[in-house]
Amino acid sequence: MELRHHQFDRISFNPEKCFGKACIRGLRMPVSSLLAYLSSGMTIEEILSEWPELELEDLYQALAYAASAVEERIIPLEEPVLS
Protein backbone atom coordinates (compact mmCIF):
# COMPACT_ATOMS: atom_id res chain seq x y z
CA MET A 1 0.00 0.00 0.00
CA GLU A 2 1.63 3.19 -1.20
CA LEU A 3 1.05 6.46 0.62
CA ARG A 4 1.91 9.94 -0.63
CA HIS A 5 3.22 12.69 1.61
CA HIS A 6 0.55 15.27 2.36
CA GLN A 7 2.82 18.19 1.41
CA PHE A 8 5.19 16.68 -1.15
CA ASP A 9 3.32 14.83 -3.89
CA ARG A 10 6.43 13.15 -5.28
CA ILE A 11 7.41 11.59 -1.94
CA SER A 12 5.86 8.19 -1.30
CA PHE A 13 6.01 5.52 1.40
CA ASN A 14 5.42 1.82 0.86
CA PRO A 15 6.33 -0.83 3.45
CA GLU A 16 6.98 -3.26 0.59
CA LYS A 17 9.60 -1.00 -1.04
CA CYS A 18 12.83 0.10 0.62
CA PHE A 19 11.50 -0.88 4.06
CA GLY A 20 8.94 1.92 3.98
CA LYS A 21 11.53 4.69 3.65
CA ALA A 22 10.58 7.92 1.90
CA CYS A 23 10.99 7.30 -1.84
CA ILE A 24 10.49 9.21 -5.06
CA ARG A 25 7.15 8.59 -6.81
CA GLY A 26 6.91 4.94 -5.84
CA LEU A 27 10.27 4.17 -7.41
CA ARG A 28 12.84 2.21 -5.47
CA MET A 29 14.83 5.39 -5.04
CA PRO A 30 14.99 6.51 -1.39
CA VAL A 31 15.17 10.21 -0.69
CA SER A 32 18.16 9.47 1.55
CA SER A 33 20.07 8.05 -1.44
CA LEU A 34 19.50 11.19 -3.48
CA LEU A 35 20.68 13.33 -0.59
CA ALA A 36 23.77 11.15 -0.20
CA TYR A 37 24.60 11.50 -3.90
CA LEU A 38 24.23 15.27 -3.72
CA SER A 39 26.28 15.54 -0.53
CA SER A 40 29.04 13.41 -2.06
CA GLY A 41 29.46 15.98 -4.82
CA MET A 42 27.36 14.55 -7.65
CA THR A 43 25.69 17.27 -9.64
CA ILE A 44 22.00 17.31 -10.44
CA GLU A 45 22.88 16.74 -14.08
CA GLU A 46 24.97 13.66 -13.20
CA ILE A 47 22.16 12.19 -11.10
CA LEU A 48 19.56 12.76 -13.82
CA SER A 49 21.89 11.23 -16.39
CA GLU A 50 22.60 8.17 -14.21
CA TRP A 51 18.91 7.60 -13.35
CA PRO A 52 16.82 8.76 -16.36
CA GLU A 53 13.57 7.82 -14.61
CA LEU A 54 14.13 10.74 -12.23
CA GLU A 55 13.00 14.26 -13.00
CA LEU A 56 14.40 17.58 -11.83
CA GLU A 57 11.32 18.20 -9.67
CA ASP A 58 12.02 14.88 -7.87
CA LEU A 59 15.35 16.23 -6.66
CA TYR A 60 13.86 19.53 -5.58
CA GLN A 61 11.15 17.77 -3.61
CA ALA A 62 13.70 15.45 -2.00
CA LEU A 63 15.59 18.52 -0.80
CA ALA A 64 12.41 20.23 0.39
CA TYR A 65 11.33 17.05 2.23
CA ALA A 66 14.72 16.83 3.94
CA ALA A 67 14.59 20.49 4.93
CA SER A 68 11.13 19.99 6.38
CA ALA A 69 12.22 16.88 8.27
CA VAL A 70 15.12 18.64 10.01
CA GLU A 71 13.38 21.94 10.59
CA GLU A 72 14.26 23.38 13.97
CA ARG A 73 11.73 22.88 16.70
CA ILE A 74 11.63 25.42 19.49
CA ILE A 75 11.22 23.84 22.88
CA PRO A 76 10.31 26.32 25.60
CA LEU A 77 12.40 26.02 28.72
CA GLU A 78 10.72 25.92 32.05
CA GLU A 79 11.17 29.07 34.05
CA PRO A 80 13.66 28.60 36.87
CA VAL A 81 12.17 28.16 40.30
CA LEU A 82 13.51 30.78 42.70
CA SER A 83 14.07 29.58 46.25
C-alpha atoms as a PDB file:
ATOM      1  CA  MET A   1       0.000   0.000   0.000  1.00  0.00           C
ATOM      2  CA  GLU A   2       1.629   3.187  -1.197  1.00  0.00           C
ATOM      3  CA  LEU A   3       1.048   6.464   0.622  1.00  0.00           C
ATOM      4  CA  ARG A   4       1.909   9.941  -0.633  1.00  0.00           C
ATOM      5  CA  HIS A   5       3.215  12.686   1.610  1.00  0.00           C
ATOM      6  CA  HIS A   6       0.552  15.269   2.364  1.00  0.00           C
ATOM      7  CA  GLN A   7       2.816  18.185   1.415  1.00  0.00           C
ATOM      8  CA  PHE A   8       5.193  16.685  -1.155  1.00  0.00           C
ATOM      9  CA  ASP A   9       3.318  14.832  -3.886  1.00  0.00           C
ATOM     10  CA  ARG A  10       6.434  13.151  -5.280  1.00  0.00           C
ATOM     11  CA  ILE A  11       7.414  11.593  -1.939  1.00  0.00           C
ATOM     12  CA  SER A  12       5.861   8.185  -1.295  1.00  0.00           C
ATOM     13  CA  PHE A  13       6.008   5.519   1.401  1.00  0.00           C
ATOM     14  CA  ASN A  14       5.423   1.823   0.862  1.00  0.00           C
ATOM     15  CA  PRO A  15       6.331  -0.826   3.449  1.00  0.00           C
ATOM     16  CA  GLU A  16       6.980  -3.261   0.591  1.00  0.00           C
ATOM     17  CA  LYS A  17       9.604  -1.001  -1.039  1.00  0.00           C
ATOM     18  CA  CYS A  18      12.826   0.097   0.616  1.00  0.00           C
ATOM     19  CA  PHE A  19      11.500  -0.884   4.060  1.00  0.00           C
ATOM     20  CA  GLY A  20       8.942   1.921   3.984  1.00  0.00           C
ATOM     21  CA  LYS A  21      11.528   4.687   3.647  1.00  0.00           C
ATOM     22  CA  ALA A  22      10.575   7.917   1.904  1.00  0.00           C
ATOM     23  CA  CYS A  23      10.994   7.303  -1.840  1.00  0.00           C
ATOM     24  CA  ILE A  24      10.494   9.211  -5.056  1.00  0.00           C
ATOM     25  CA  ARG A  25       7.146   8.591  -6.810  1.00  0.00           C
ATOM     26  CA  GLY A  26       6.913   4.938  -5.841  1.00  0.00           C
ATOM     27  CA  LEU A  27      10.273   4.169  -7.411  1.00  0.00           C
ATOM     28  CA  ARG A  28      12.837   2.209  -5.472  1.00  0.00           C
ATOM     29  CA  MET A  29      14.829   5.392  -5.036  1.00  0.00           C
ATOM     30  CA  PRO A  30      14.985   6.509  -1.389  1.00  0.00           C
ATOM     31  CA  VAL A  31      15.169  10.210  -0.686  1.00  0.00           C
ATOM     32  CA  SER A  32      18.159   9.470   1.551  1.00  0.00           C
ATOM     33  CA  SER A  33      20.075   8.049  -1.437  1.00  0.00           C
ATOM     34  CA  LEU A  34      19.496  11.188  -3.485  1.00  0.00           C
ATOM     35  CA  LEU A  35      20.681  13.328  -0.592  1.00  0.00           C
ATOM     36  CA  ALA A  36      23.769  11.147  -0.196  1.00  0.00           C
ATOM     37  CA  TYR A  37      24.603  11.503  -3.902  1.00  0.00           C
ATOM     38  CA  LEU A  38      24.229  15.274  -3.723  1.00  0.00           C
ATOM     39  CA  SER A  39      26.279  15.539  -0.535  1.00  0.00           C
ATOM     40  CA  SER A  40      29.044  13.414  -2.063  1.00  0.00           C
ATOM     41  CA  GLY A  41      29.459  15.981  -4.819  1.00  0.00           C
ATOM     42  CA  MET A  42      27.360  14.551  -7.646  1.00  0.00           C
ATOM     43  CA  THR A  43      25.690  17.274  -9.644  1.00  0.00           C
ATOM     44  CA  ILE A  44      22.001  17.311 -10.438  1.00  0.00           C
ATOM     45  CA  GLU A  45      22.884  16.737 -14.078  1.00  0.00           C
ATOM     46  CA  GLU A  46      24.968  13.659 -13.202  1.00  0.00           C
ATOM     47  CA  ILE A  47      22.158  12.188 -11.100  1.00  0.00           C
ATOM     48  CA  LEU A  48      19.561  12.764 -13.816  1.00  0.00           C
ATOM     49  CA  SER A  49      21.893  11.230 -16.389  1.00  0.00           C
ATOM     50  CA  GLU A  50      22.600   8.167 -14.209  1.00  0.00           C
ATOM     51  CA  TRP A  51      18.911   7.601 -13.354  1.00  0.00           C
ATOM     52  CA  PRO A  52      16.820   8.763 -16.361  1.00  0.00           C
ATOM     53  CA  GLU A  53      13.570   7.818 -14.610  1.00  0.00           C
ATOM     54  CA  LEU A  54      14.133  10.738 -12.231  1.00  0.00           C
ATOM     55  CA  GLU A  55      12.995  14.263 -13.002  1.00  0.00           C
ATOM     56  CA  LEU A  56      14.398  17.582 -11.825  1.00  0.00           C
ATOM     57  CA  GLU A  57      11.323  18.202  -9.668  1.00  0.00           C
ATOM     58  CA  ASP A  58      12.017  14.882  -7.868  1.00  0.00           C
ATOM     59  CA  LEU A  59      15.351  16.225  -6.660  1.00  0.00           C
ATOM     60  CA  TYR A  60      13.856  19.533  -5.583  1.00  0.00           C
ATOM     61  CA  GLN A  61      11.148  17.769  -3.613  1.00  0.00           C
ATOM     62  CA  ALA A  62      13.699  15.452  -2.004  1.00  0.00           C
ATOM     63  CA  LEU A  63      15.594  18.517  -0.797  1.00  0.00           C
ATOM     64  CA  ALA A  64      12.410  20.225   0.392  1.00  0.00           C
ATOM     65  CA  TYR A  65      11.326  17.055   2.228  1.00  0.00           C
ATOM     66  CA  ALA A  66      14.716  16.827   3.945  1.00  0.00           C
ATOM     67  CA  ALA A  67      14.595  20.495   4.930  1.00  0.00           C
ATOM     68  CA  SER A  68      11.133  19.991   6.381  1.00  0.00           C
ATOM     69  CA  ALA A  69      12.225  16.878   8.272  1.00  0.00           C
ATOM     70  CA  VAL A  70      15.119  18.638  10.007  1.00  0.00           C
ATOM     71  CA  GLU A  71      13.382  21.939  10.593  1.00  0.00           C
ATOM     72  CA  GLU A  72      14.265  23.380  13.972  1.00  0.00           C
ATOM     73  CA  ARG A  73      11.735  22.880  16.699  1.00  0.00           C
ATOM     74  CA  ILE A  74      11.626  25.422  19.489  1.00  0.00           C
ATOM     75  CA  ILE A  75      11.216  23.837  22.877  1.00  0.00           C
ATOM     76  CA  PRO A  76      10.312  26.320  25.602  1.00  0.00           C
ATOM     77  CA  LEU A  77      12.403  26.020  28.717  1.00  0.00           C
ATOM     78  CA  GLU A  78      10.724  25.923  32.049  1.00  0.00           C
ATOM     79  CA  GLU A  79      11.170  29.069  34.055  1.00  0.00           C
ATOM     80  CA  PRO A  80      13.655  28.597  36.874  1.00  0.00           C
ATOM     81  CA  VAL A  81      12.175  28.158  40.301  1.00  0.00           C
ATOM     82  CA  LEU A  82      13.508  30.782  42.702  1.00  0.00           C
ATOM     83  CA  SER A  83      14.070  29.581  46.246  1.00  0.00           C
END
